[in-house]
């Protein structure tokens, strides 16, 4: 019974990490699109910052996956 509960807890852990990461990526994309809309000349620096932020946000899911194993 305990291993089953541990497996369910791990699955919930990864699911919540993926959900939070997806919300974070959406917010980053929304902010980047809004920033480029306000200042089109700064599109390249905004793109670089957005890509870095998305990469760090997606890393949360990988950390959660490695913690489950």
C-alpha atoms as a PDB file:
ATOM      1  CA  UNK A   1       0.000   0.000   0.000  1.00  0.00           C
ATOM      2  CA  UNK A   2       2.801   2.446   0.862  1.00  0.00           C
ATOM      3  CA  UNK A   3       4.624   2.057  -2.505  1.00  0.00           C
ATOM      4  CA  UNK A   4       1.345   2.761  -4.293  1.00  0.00           C
ATOM      5  CA  UNK A   5       0.817   5.961  -2.295  1.00  0.00           C
ATOM      6  CA  UNK A   6       4.402   7.002  -2.991  1.00  0.00           C
ATOM      7  CA  UNK A   7       3.860   6.493  -6.725  1.00  0.00           C
ATOM      8  CA  UNK A   8       0.658   8.541  -6.669  1.00  0.00           C
ATOM      9  CA  UNK A   9       2.416  11.301  -4.713  1.00  0.00           C
ATOM     10  CA  UNK A  10       5.210  11.379  -7.275  1.00  0.00           C
ATOM     11  CA  UNK A  11       2.741  11.587 -10.133  1.00  0.00           C
ATOM     12  CA  UNK A  12       0.935  14.482  -8.482  1.00  0.00           C
ATOM     13  CA  UNK A  13       4.286  16.152  -7.840  1.00  0.00           C
ATOM     14  CA  UNK A  14       5.260  16.014 -11.522  1.00  0.00           C
ATOM     15  CA  UNK A  15       1.786  17.034 -12.672  1.00  0.00           C
ATOM     16  CA  UNK A  16       1.762  20.132 -10.496  1.00  0.00           C
ATOM     17  CA  UNK A  17       5.270  21.058 -11.647  1.00  0.00           C
ATOM     18  CA  UNK A  18       4.192  20.729 -15.287  1.00  0.00           C
ATOM     19  CA  UNK A  19       1.062  22.787 -14.655  1.00  0.00           C
ATOM     20  CA  UNK A  20       3.032  25.551 -12.951  1.00  0.00           C
ATOM     21  CA  UNK A  21       5.616  25.524 -15.712  1.00  0.00           C
ATOM     22  CA  UNK A  22       2.950  25.782 -18.403  1.00  0.00           C
ATOM     23  CA  UNK A  23       1.331  28.737 -16.655  1.00  0.00           C
ATOM     24  CA  UNK A  24       4.737  30.395 -16.256  1.00  0.00           C
ATOM     25  CA  UNK A  25       5.592  29.972 -19.936  1.00  0.00           C
ATOM     26  CA  UNK A  26       2.230  31.446 -20.896  1.00  0.00           C
ATOM     27  CA  UNK A  27       2.765  34.471 -18.663  1.00  0.00           C
ATOM     28  CA  UNK A  28       6.278  34.980 -20.048  1.00  0.00           C
ATOM     29  CA  UNK A  29       4.980  34.822 -23.610  1.00  0.00           C
ATOM     30  CA  UNK A  30       2.172  37.250 -22.810  1.00  0.00           C
ATOM     31  CA  UNK A  31       4.615  39.697 -21.233  1.00  0.00           C
ATOM     32  CA  UNK A  32       7.063  39.436 -24.123  1.00  0.00           C
ATOM     33  CA  UNK A  33       4.338  40.000 -26.716  1.00  0.00           C
ATOM     34  CA  UNK A  34       3.066  42.999 -24.786  1.00  0.00           C
ATOM     35  CA  UNK A  35       6.571  44.445 -24.439  1.00  0.00           C
ATOM     36  CA  UNK A  36       7.302  44.070 -28.157  1.00  0.00           C
ATOM     37  CA  UNK A  37       3.952  45.664 -28.937  1.00  0.00           C
ATOM     38  CA  UNK A  38       4.905  48.697 -26.859  1.00  0.00           C
ATOM     39  CA  UNK A  39       8.489  48.946 -28.150  1.00  0.00           C
ATOM     40  CA  UNK A  40       9.073  47.091 -31.454  1.00  0.00           C
ATOM     41  CA  UNK A  41      12.657  48.336 -31.689  1.00  0.00           C
ATOM     42  CA  UNK A  42      13.630  46.290 -28.642  1.00  0.00           C
ATOM     43  CA  UNK A  43      12.305  43.010 -30.034  1.00  0.00           C
ATOM     44  CA  UNK A  44      15.670  41.209 -30.079  1.00  0.00           C
ATOM     45  CA  UNK A  45      16.658  41.870 -26.429  1.00  0.00           C
ATOM     46  CA  UNK A  46      13.123  41.037 -25.317  1.00  0.00           C
ATOM     47  CA  UNK A  47      13.243  37.774 -27.291  1.00  0.00           C
ATOM     48  CA  UNK A  48      16.553  36.801 -25.696  1.00  0.00           C
ATOM     49  CA  UNK A  49      15.248  37.502 -22.198  1.00  0.00           C
ATOM     50  CA  UNK A  50      12.008  35.624 -22.894  1.00  0.00           C
ATOM     51  CA  UNK A  51      13.849  32.551 -24.201  1.00  0.00           C
ATOM     52  CA  UNK A  52      16.092  32.490 -21.128  1.00  0.00           C
ATOM     53  CA  UNK A  53      13.122  32.861 -18.796  1.00  0.00           C
ATOM     54  CA  UNK A  54      11.244  30.067 -20.587  1.00  0.00           C
ATOM     55  CA  UNK A  55      14.264  27.762 -20.361  1.00  0.00           C
ATOM     56  CA  UNK A  56      14.572  28.361 -16.612  1.00  0.00           C
ATOM     57  CA  UNK A  57      10.838  27.828 -16.171  1.00  0.00           C
ATOM     58  CA  UNK A  58      10.902  24.545 -18.091  1.00  0.00           C
ATOM     59  CA  UNK A  59      13.809  23.340 -15.940  1.00  0.00           C
ATOM     60  CA  UNK A  60      11.387  23.061 -13.018  1.00  0.00           C
ATOM     61  CA  UNK A  61       9.675  20.108 -14.718  1.00  0.00           C
ATOM     62  CA  UNK A  62      12.992  18.344 -15.251  1.00  0.00           C
ATOM     63  CA  UNK A  63      13.885  18.832 -11.585  1.00  0.00           C
ATOM     64  CA  UNK A  64      10.530  17.341 -10.592  1.00  0.00           C
ATOM     65  CA  UNK A  65      11.053  14.364 -12.895  1.00  0.00           C
ATOM     66  CA  UNK A  66      14.485  13.657 -11.449  1.00  0.00           C
ATOM     67  CA  UNK A  67      13.202  13.955  -7.871  1.00  0.00           C
ATOM     68  CA  UNK A  68      10.539  11.290  -8.496  1.00  0.00           C
ATOM     69  CA  UNK A  69      13.061   8.623  -9.500  1.00  0.00           C
END
